[in-house]
Amino acid sequence: MPYADGLAITTLASCDAGAVLRVSGELDHGSEGVFRVTVGACVGAGHRYLTLDCSALTFCDSRGLNCLLGLHWLLRRRQGRLLLACVGRRVRRVLDQTGSSELLPVFTTVTQALATLPEAHRPVWPPDTARRRPAAQGPA
């Protein structure tokens, strides 16, 4: 999938209330709009439990962190949760240095993250790789 403004978001698995999204590239000033529109469409579709697979997220600055915190706030208001999985060292450092890791649960694997959700809100994991599809994209 091509990157829009340095960021790609791919739906790996979903069910009625939850989804697993892979976030790839850089989450920063240049890509926050793509993130907000794409993930907002996912929330708008009824997903209250989002697990972000950050294994391919190479960079996150303060604007990207604001996106994650805003998503955390939105999902909490909808009685849902945001979970981060497979967070790399650079992104983990940003979370730890800002104290955001206290608000945003970080898990080693997607499997571990999903295990903390009520079973009815967990997408089937691991996904059928033949069915992977891009998340809804923002305006072109």
C-alpha atoms as a PDB file:
ATOM      1  CA  MET A   1       0.000   0.000   0.000  1.00  0.00           C
ATOM      2  CA  PRO A   2       1.426   3.419  -0.852  1.00  0.00           C
ATOM      3  CA  TYR A   3       2.123   5.810   1.955  1.00  0.00           C
ATOM      4  CA  ALA A   4       0.039   8.971   2.166  1.00  0.00           C
ATOM      5  CA  ASP A   5       2.081  11.782   3.698  1.00  0.00           C
ATOM      6  CA  GLY A   6       4.568   9.223   5.076  1.00  0.00           C
ATOM      7  CA  LEU A   7       1.945   7.065   6.780  1.00  0.00           C
ATOM      8  CA  ALA A   8       0.031   3.910   5.880  1.00  0.00           C
ATOM      9  CA  ILE A   9      -2.756   2.355   7.938  1.00  0.00           C
ATOM     10  CA  THR A  10      -3.886  -1.162   7.113  1.00  0.00           C
ATOM     11  CA  THR A  11      -6.737  -3.114   8.663  1.00  0.00           C
ATOM     12  CA  LEU A  12      -5.387  -6.503   9.732  1.00  0.00           C
ATOM     13  CA  ALA A  13      -8.511  -7.834  11.462  1.00  0.00           C
ATOM     14  CA  SER A  14     -11.898  -6.542  12.564  1.00  0.00           C
ATOM     15  CA  CYS A  15     -15.200  -7.485  14.137  1.00  0.00           C
ATOM     16  CA  ASP A  16     -18.257  -5.416  15.039  1.00  0.00           C
ATOM     17  CA  ALA A  17     -16.695  -3.577  17.999  1.00  0.00           C
ATOM     18  CA  GLY A  18     -12.955  -3.982  17.485  1.00  0.00           C
ATOM     19  CA  ALA A  19     -10.193  -3.758  14.930  1.00  0.00           C
ATOM     20  CA  VAL A  20      -6.473  -4.298  14.606  1.00  0.00           C
ATOM     21  CA  LEU A  21      -4.736  -1.692  12.461  1.00  0.00           C
ATOM     22  CA  ARG A  22      -1.109  -1.702  11.363  1.00  0.00           C
ATOM     23  CA  VAL A  23       0.373   1.792  11.431  1.00  0.00           C
ATOM     24  CA  SER A  24       3.419   2.092   9.149  1.00  0.00           C
ATOM     25  CA  GLY A  25       5.805   4.954   8.515  1.00  0.00           C
ATOM     26  CA  GLU A  26       5.889   8.258  10.373  1.00  0.00           C
ATOM     27  CA  LEU A  27       3.178   9.708  12.589  1.00  0.00           C
ATOM     28  CA  ASP A  28       3.955  13.405  12.714  1.00  0.00           C
ATOM     29  CA  HIS A  29       2.794  16.855  11.634  1.00  0.00           C
ATOM     30  CA  GLY A  30       2.714  15.837   7.971  1.00  0.00           C
ATOM     31  CA  SER A  31       0.649  12.705   8.494  1.00  0.00           C
ATOM     32  CA  GLU A  32      -1.653  13.571  11.391  1.00  0.00           C
ATOM     33  CA  GLY A  33      -4.490  14.466   9.012  1.00  0.00           C
ATOM     34  CA  VAL A  34      -4.316  11.072   7.305  1.00  0.00           C
ATOM     35  CA  PHE A  35      -4.244   9.382  10.718  1.00  0.00           C
ATOM     36  CA  ARG A  36      -7.222  11.315  12.057  1.00  0.00           C
ATOM     37  CA  VAL A  37      -9.379  10.780   8.969  1.00  0.00           C
ATOM     38  CA  THR A  38      -8.509   7.098   8.543  1.00  0.00           C
ATOM     39  CA  VAL A  39      -8.807   6.103  12.191  1.00  0.00           C
ATOM     40  CA  GLY A  40     -11.809   8.397  12.627  1.00  0.00           C
ATOM     41  CA  ALA A  41     -13.599   6.469   9.869  1.00  0.00           C
ATOM     42  CA  CYS A  42     -12.832   3.260  11.729  1.00  0.00           C
ATOM     43  CA  VAL A  43     -14.301   4.663  14.954  1.00  0.00           C
ATOM     44  CA  GLY A  44     -17.234   6.069  13.004  1.00  0.00           C
ATOM     45  CA  ALA A  45     -17.922   2.561  11.686  1.00  0.00           C
ATOM     46  CA  GLY A  46     -18.522   1.449  15.280  1.00  0.00           C
ATOM     47  CA  HIS A  47     -15.121   0.157  16.373  1.00  0.00           C
ATOM     48  CA  ARG A  48     -14.650   1.077  20.056  1.00  0.00           C
ATOM     49  CA  TYR A  49     -11.699  -1.228  20.715  1.00  0.00           C
ATOM     50  CA  LEU A  50      -8.680  -0.464  18.562  1.00  0.00           C
ATOM     51  CA  THR A  51      -5.356  -2.244  18.715  1.00  0.00           C
ATOM     52  CA  LEU A  52      -2.598  -0.506  16.783  1.00  0.00           C
ATOM     53  CA  ASP A  53       0.187  -2.773  15.549  1.00  0.00           C
ATOM     54  CA  CYS A  54       3.093  -0.332  15.653  1.00  0.00           C
ATOM     55  CA  SER A  55       5.767  -2.760  14.417  1.00  0.00           C
ATOM     56  CA  ALA A  56       6.244  -0.674  11.260  1.00  0.00           C
ATOM     57  CA  LEU A  57       5.817   2.749  12.897  1.00  0.00           C
ATOM     58  CA  THR A  58       9.287   4.252  12.542  1.00  0.00           C
ATOM     59  CA  PHE A  59       8.727   7.716  13.996  1.00  0.00           C
ATOM     60  CA  CYS A  60       6.284   9.538  16.250  1.00  0.00           C
ATOM     61  CA  ASP A  61       6.712  13.170  17.323  1.00  0.00           C
ATOM     62  CA  SER A  62       4.581  15.335  19.608  1.00  0.00           C
ATOM     63  CA  ARG A  63       1.894  15.765  16.945  1.00  0.00           C
ATOM     64  CA  GLY A  64       1.718  12.013  16.480  1.00  0.00           C
ATOM     65  CA  LEU A  65       1.557  11.550  20.226  1.00  0.00           C
ATOM     66  CA  ASN A  66      -1.353  14.013  20.343  1.00  0.00           C
ATOM     67  CA  CYS A  67      -3.118  11.862  17.743  1.00  0.00           C
ATOM     68  CA  LEU A  68      -2.704   8.778  19.922  1.00  0.00           C
ATOM     69  CA  LEU A  69      -3.825  10.584  23.066  1.00  0.00           C
ATOM     70  CA  GLY A  70      -6.820  12.070  21.250  1.00  0.00           C
ATOM     71  CA  LEU A  71      -7.809   8.631  19.998  1.00  0.00           C
ATOM     72  CA  HIS A  72      -7.409   7.249  23.535  1.00  0.00           C
ATOM     73  CA  TRP A  73      -9.734   9.988  24.844  1.00  0.00           C
ATOM     74  CA  LEU A  74     -12.324   9.410  22.098  1.00  0.00           C
ATOM     75  CA  LEU A  75     -12.441   5.662  22.635  1.00  0.00           C
ATOM     76  CA  ARG A  76     -12.701   6.050  26.417  1.00  0.00           C
ATOM     77  CA  ARG A  77     -15.699   8.357  25.948  1.00  0.00           C
ATOM     78  CA  ARG A  78     -17.287   5.579  23.869  1.00  0.00           C
ATOM     79  CA  GLN A  79     -16.538   3.012  26.591  1.00  0.00           C
ATOM     80  CA  GLY A  80     -13.768   1.495  24.483  1.00  0.00           C
ATOM     81  CA  ARG A  81      -9.994   1.207  24.619  1.00  0.00           C
ATOM     82  CA  LEU A  82      -6.879   1.951  22.608  1.00  0.00           C
ATOM     83  CA  LEU A  83      -4.104  -0.622  22.844  1.00  0.00           C
ATOM     84  CA  LEU A  84      -0.633  -0.346  21.323  1.00  0.00           C
ATOM     85  CA  ALA A  85       1.280  -3.468  20.300  1.00  0.00           C
ATOM     86  CA  CYS A  86       4.755  -4.157  18.945  1.00  0.00           C
ATOM     87  CA  VAL A  87       5.990  -0.647  19.737  1.00  0.00           C
ATOM     88  CA  GLY A  88       9.576  -0.041  18.630  1.00  0.00           C
ATOM     89  CA  ARG A  89      12.314   1.460  20.744  1.00  0.00           C
ATOM     90  CA  ARG A  90      12.113   4.980  19.298  1.00  0.00           C
ATOM     91  CA  VAL A  91       8.357   5.286  19.738  1.00  0.00           C
ATOM     92  CA  ARG A  92       8.515   3.636  23.168  1.00  0.00           C
ATOM     93  CA  ARG A  93      11.028   6.269  24.248  1.00  0.00           C
ATOM     94  CA  VAL A  94       8.603   9.068  23.305  1.00  0.00           C
ATOM     95  CA  LEU A  95       5.832   7.373  25.270  1.00  0.00           C
ATOM     96  CA  ASP A  96       8.051   6.846  28.323  1.00  0.00           C
ATOM     97  CA  GLN A  97       9.635  10.309  28.312  1.00  0.00           C
ATOM     98  CA  THR A  98       6.268  12.031  28.184  1.00  0.00           C
ATOM     99  CA  GLY A  99       4.552   9.768  30.703  1.00  0.00           C
ATOM    100  CA  SER A 100       2.084   8.697  28.010  1.00  0.00           C
ATOM    101  CA  SER A 101       2.851   5.027  28.586  1.00  0.00           C
ATOM    102  CA  GLU A 102       0.824   5.422  31.800  1.00  0.00           C
ATOM    103  CA  LEU A 103      -2.288   6.193  29.702  1.00  0.00           C
ATOM    104  CA  LEU A 104      -1.638   4.110  26.611  1.00  0.00           C
ATOM    105  CA  PRO A 105      -1.265   0.393  27.335  1.00  0.00           C
ATOM    106  CA  VAL A 106       1.689  -1.071  25.436  1.00  0.00           C
ATOM    107  CA  PHE A 107       1.957  -4.798  24.722  1.00  0.00           C
ATOM    108  CA  THR A 108       4.733  -6.898  23.229  1.00  0.00           C
ATOM    109  CA  THR A 109       2.395  -8.595  20.743  1.00  0.00           C
ATOM    110  CA  VAL A 110      -1.036  -8.076  19.255  1.00  0.00           C
ATOM    111  CA  THR A 111      -2.088 -11.402  20.777  1.00  0.00           C
ATOM    112  CA  GLN A 112      -1.251 -10.120  24.268  1.00  0.00           C
ATOM    113  CA  ALA A 113      -3.117  -6.880  23.657  1.00  0.00           C
ATOM    114  CA  LEU A 114      -6.244  -8.607  22.376  1.00  0.00           C
ATOM    115  CA  ALA A 115      -6.253 -10.987  25.353  1.00  0.00           C
ATOM    116  CA  THR A 116      -7.080  -7.996  27.601  1.00  0.00           C
ATOM    117  CA  LEU A 117     -10.324  -7.265  25.747  1.00  0.00           C
ATOM    118  CA  PRO A 118     -13.684  -8.903  26.349  1.00  0.00           C
ATOM    119  CA  GLU A 119     -13.932 -11.888  24.011  1.00  0.00           C
ATOM    120  CA  ALA A 120     -16.966 -10.477  22.196  1.00  0.00           C
ATOM    121  CA  HIS A 121     -14.928  -7.425  21.176  1.00  0.00           C
ATOM    122  CA  ARG A 122     -11.847  -9.273  19.896  1.00  0.00           C
ATOM    123  CA  PRO A 123     -11.299  -9.717  16.174  1.00  0.00           C
ATOM    124  CA  VAL A 124     -10.150 -13.163  15.067  1.00  0.00           C
ATOM    125  CA  TRP A 125      -6.387 -13.294  15.505  1.00  0.00           C
ATOM    126  CA  PRO A 126      -4.155 -14.105  13.773  1.00  0.00           C
ATOM    127  CA  PRO A 127      -5.929 -12.886  10.664  1.00  0.00           C
ATOM    128  CA  ASP A 128      -6.329 -14.698   7.402  1.00  0.00           C
ATOM    129  CA  THR A 129      -3.540 -12.963   5.449  1.00  0.00           C
ATOM    130  CA  ALA A 130      -5.437 -13.387   2.179  1.00  0.00           C
ATOM    131  CA  ARG A 131      -8.144 -11.058   3.530  1.00  0.00           C
ATOM    132  CA  ARG A 132      -5.957  -8.100   4.586  1.00  0.00           C
ATOM    133  CA  ARG A 133      -7.167  -4.827   3.189  1.00  0.00           C
ATOM    134  CA  PRO A 134      -6.275  -1.152   3.479  1.00  0.00           C
ATOM    135  CA  ALA A 135      -8.227   0.909   5.996  1.00  0.00           C
ATOM    136  CA  ALA A 136     -10.489   3.605   4.621  1.00  0.00           C
ATOM    137  CA  GLN A 137      -8.282   6.390   3.313  1.00  0.00           C
ATOM    138  CA  GLY A 138      -8.754  10.063   3.874  1.00  0.00           C
ATOM    139  CA  PRO A 139      -9.392  12.567   1.120  1.00  0.00           C
ATOM    140  CA  ALA A 140      -7.029  12.320  -1.814  1.00  0.00           C
END
